[in-house]
Protein backbone atom coordinates (compact mmCIF):
# COMPACT_ATOMS: atom_id res chain seq x y z
CA MET A 1 0.00 0.00 0.00
CA PRO A 2 1.41 3.46 -0.82
CA PRO A 3 2.70 5.30 2.27
CA PHE A 4 0.23 8.21 2.26
CA ARG A 5 -2.77 5.93 1.80
CA CYS A 6 -1.48 3.54 4.46
CA ALA A 7 -0.91 6.41 6.91
CA TRP A 8 -4.40 7.76 6.28
CA SER A 9 -5.85 4.29 6.73
CA LEU A 10 -4.01 3.89 10.06
CA LEU A 11 -5.54 7.15 11.24
CA SER A 12 -9.06 6.55 9.94
CA ARG A 13 -9.57 2.74 9.85
CA PRO A 14 -6.85 1.17 11.99
CA ASP A 15 -8.22 -2.40 12.07
CA ALA A 16 -8.42 -2.60 8.29
CA ALA A 17 -4.99 -0.97 7.93
CA TRP A 18 -3.37 -3.52 10.24
CA ASP A 19 -5.01 -6.35 8.32
CA THR A 20 -3.46 -5.02 5.12
CA ILE A 21 -0.09 -4.43 6.77
CA ALA A 22 -0.10 -7.96 8.21
CA GLY A 23 -0.46 -9.39 4.71
CA GLU A 24 2.40 -7.39 3.20
CA GLN A 25 6.03 -8.47 3.19
CA ILE A 26 8.07 -5.35 3.94
CA ASP A 27 11.83 -5.66 4.37
CA LEU A 28 14.12 -3.48 6.45
CA VAL A 29 15.39 -1.47 3.46
CA ASN A 30 11.84 -0.60 2.42
CA LEU A 31 10.88 0.35 5.98
CA LEU A 32 13.92 2.61 6.20
CA ARG A 33 13.55 4.18 2.77
CA ARG A 34 9.77 4.65 2.64
CA TRP A 35 8.83 5.08 6.30
CA ILE A 36 11.46 5.54 9.00
CA LEU A 37 13.82 8.08 7.41
CA PRO A 38 11.22 10.31 5.70
CA LEU A 39 8.81 10.37 8.63
CA SER A 40 11.62 10.93 11.13
CA LEU A 41 12.42 14.16 9.25
CA ILE A 42 9.01 15.74 9.93
CA ALA A 43 9.60 16.80 13.54
CA PRO A 44 13.13 18.17 12.95
CA VAL A 45 11.88 20.24 10.01
CA GLY A 46 8.99 21.60 12.13
CA LEU A 47 11.38 22.33 14.99
CA THR A 48 13.83 24.10 12.65
CA ILE A 49 11.10 26.26 11.10
CA GLY A 50 9.70 27.16 14.50
CA ALA A 51 13.05 27.92 16.08
CA THR A 52 14.17 29.96 13.09
CA PHE A 53 11.08 32.04 12.41
CA PHE A 54 8.90 32.05 15.52
CA ASP A 55 11.12 31.42 18.52
CA ARG A 56 12.68 34.88 18.72
CA GLU A 57 9.42 36.53 19.76
CA TRP A 58 8.38 34.04 22.42
CA ASN A 59 8.70 34.65 26.10
CA ALA A 60 9.41 32.18 28.89
CA LYS A 61 5.71 31.50 29.47
CA LEU A 62 4.89 30.59 25.86
CA GLY A 63 7.95 28.67 24.79
CA TYR A 64 11.67 28.36 24.99
CA ALA A 65 14.37 30.12 23.07
CA VAL A 66 16.73 28.07 20.92
CA LEU A 67 19.90 29.92 20.12
CA PRO A 68 20.62 30.05 16.37
CA CYS A 69 23.77 27.98 16.86
CA GLN A 70 21.70 25.26 18.59
CA ILE A 71 18.94 24.85 15.97
CA PHE A 72 20.74 22.36 13.74
CA PRO A 73 22.06 20.21 16.64
CA ALA A 74 18.56 20.16 18.17
CA ALA A 75 17.01 19.10 14.86
CA LEU A 76 19.68 16.45 14.29
CA THR A 77 19.20 15.10 17.81
CA THR A 78 15.44 14.91 17.23
CA PHE A 79 15.97 13.04 13.95
CA VAL A 80 18.38 10.51 15.46
CA ALA A 81 16.24 10.05 18.58
CA SER A 82 13.18 9.34 16.42
CA ILE A 83 14.98 6.61 14.52
CA LEU A 84 16.55 5.20 17.68
CA ALA A 85 13.18 5.13 19.45
CA VAL A 86 11.55 3.04 16.71
CA PHE A 87 14.37 0.49 16.67
CA MET A 88 14.49 0.43 20.45
CA LEU A 89 10.74 -0.17 20.67
CA ALA A 90 11.00 -2.97 18.11
CA GLY A 91 13.76 -4.50 20.20
CA VAL A 92 11.62 -4.31 23.32
CA PHE A 93 8.63 -5.81 21.50
CA SER A 94 10.81 -8.67 20.31
CA TRP A 95 12.51 -9.10 23.69
CA ILE A 96 9.32 -9.41 25.78
CA ALA A 97 7.29 -11.36 23.21
CA PRO A 98 8.06 -14.78 24.75
CA LEU A 99 6.68 -13.56 28.09
CA PHE A 100 3.32 -13.17 26.33
CA GLY A 101 3.31 -16.52 24.55
CA THR A 102 4.63 -15.43 21.17
CA LYS A 103 7.95 -15.96 19.45
CA ARG A 104 10.68 -13.39 18.99
CA ALA A 105 10.51 -11.86 15.54
CA PHE A 106 12.40 -8.60 15.21
CA ASN A 107 11.20 -7.84 11.66
CA ALA A 108 7.54 -8.23 12.69
CA ALA A 109 8.21 -6.16 15.81
CA LEU A 110 9.84 -3.45 13.69
CA LYS A 111 6.81 -3.42 11.42
CA VAL A 112 4.54 -2.78 14.44
CA ALA A 113 6.89 -0.14 15.86
CA VAL A 114 7.09 1.73 12.54
CA PHE A 115 3.43 1.74 11.58
CA GLY A 116 2.27 2.45 15.11
CA ALA A 117 4.51 5.54 15.24
CA VAL A 118 2.85 7.19 12.23
CA PRO A 119 0.55 9.50 14.30
CA VAL A 120 3.47 10.80 16.39
CA TRP A 121 5.59 11.38 13.30
CA ALA A 122 2.72 13.17 11.54
CA ALA A 123 2.04 15.36 14.59
CA GLY A 124 5.71 16.38 14.51
CA ALA A 125 4.79 18.72 11.65
CA LEU A 126 3.09 20.94 14.24
CA LEU A 127 6.27 21.47 16.23
CA PHE A 128 6.93 24.74 14.42
CA LEU A 129 4.88 26.18 17.31
CA MET A 130 6.12 24.74 20.58
CA PRO A 131 2.75 24.87 22.38
CA MET A 132 1.55 22.38 19.77
CA ILE A 133 3.60 19.72 21.51
CA ILE A 134 0.27 18.83 23.11
CA ALA A 135 -0.77 17.46 19.70
CA VAL A 136 2.26 15.17 19.76
CA MET A 137 1.23 13.93 23.20
CA ILE A 138 -2.29 13.20 21.97
CA ALA A 139 -0.81 11.44 18.94
CA PHE A 140 1.31 9.34 21.32
CA PHE A 141 -1.82 7.98 22.99
CA TYR A 142 -3.30 7.16 19.59
CA SER A 143 -0.03 5.42 18.70
CA CYS A 144 -0.41 3.30 21.85
CA TYR A 145 -3.83 2.28 20.57
CA LEU A 146 -2.29 1.39 17.20
CA TYR A 147 0.40 -0.63 18.97
CA TYR A 148 -2.36 -2.44 20.86
CA ILE A 149 -3.99 -3.50 17.59
CA GLY A 150 -0.64 -4.17 15.88
CA VAL A 151 0.78 -6.50 18.53
CA VAL A 152 -2.39 -8.59 18.31
CA LYS A 153 -2.53 -8.74 14.49
CA ILE A 154 1.20 -8.85 13.68
CA LEU A 155 2.96 -10.33 16.73
CA GLY A 156 0.15 -12.66 17.83
CA VAL A 157 -0.19 -11.35 21.38
CA ALA A 158 -3.51 -12.37 22.92
CA GLU A 159 -5.97 -9.47 22.88
CA GLU A 160 -6.52 -9.65 26.64
CA GLN A 161 -2.75 -9.23 27.16
CA ALA A 162 -2.11 -6.60 24.49
CA ALA A 163 -2.62 -3.54 26.73
CA GLU A 164 -0.17 -4.91 29.29
CA PHE A 165 2.29 -5.79 26.52
CA VAL A 166 2.18 -2.23 25.14
CA ALA A 167 2.43 -0.63 28.61
CA ILE A 168 5.46 -2.72 29.59
CA SER A 169 7.06 -2.01 26.21
CA MET A 170 6.57 1.75 26.62
CA LEU A 171 8.07 1.60 30.11
CA PHE A 172 11.17 -0.26 28.92
CA MET A 173 11.55 1.98 25.88
CA SER A 174 11.26 5.11 28.05
CA LEU A 175 13.89 3.79 30.42
CA GLY A 176 16.15 2.91 27.49
CA LEU A 177 15.79 6.36 25.94
CA MET A 178 16.44 8.07 29.29
CA LEU A 179 19.56 5.96 29.78
CA THR A 180 20.72 6.70 26.24
CA GLY A 181 20.15 10.44 26.82
CA ALA A 182 21.99 10.32 30.13
CA VAL A 183 24.97 8.53 28.61
CA GLY A 184 24.90 10.89 25.60
CA GLY A 185 24.90 13.90 27.92
CA TRP A 186 27.63 12.42 30.08
CA ILE A 187 29.99 11.85 27.16
CA GLY A 188 29.12 15.25 25.69
CA VAL A 189 27.27 14.14 22.58
CA LEU A 190 23.93 15.63 23.68
């Protein structure tokens, strides 16, 4: 299914979209080229536009100021973190799958992680105005719902265990990202 149509289907008819996704064979190169890399660029572009054109007039109550010399590093960090988060979540999905009676399958887990992240990636376009980060948070909750459907249809997690599977996965991914950020800050990369 073409990316735009698939993304729209995930947002409007998620059950049908996951059924279609489950039937498609999508390799890592295709996921990277058609989904992960292009969609991971949306938030950094929104952040760059916002920081460049709108940030100078904001005060401390409405937003934060990004110094011109920090715009590109902030955008690059956002881009890399987006990619890292998807692969980390796929790793967590694959890692805990046996605890929920399914087999480890990283490619299937990556498929769920990528397609479930579509709402968050799309909402990243609104980051040109920092108060719109609330839209990204709302999109995150919708992504959790998509993950719930995806782990059932793609990974074979029992429906009554899917919410717990997603919650545990989000917890481990959050801890992993915090640890990665802490180490990155400690060595001076972030």
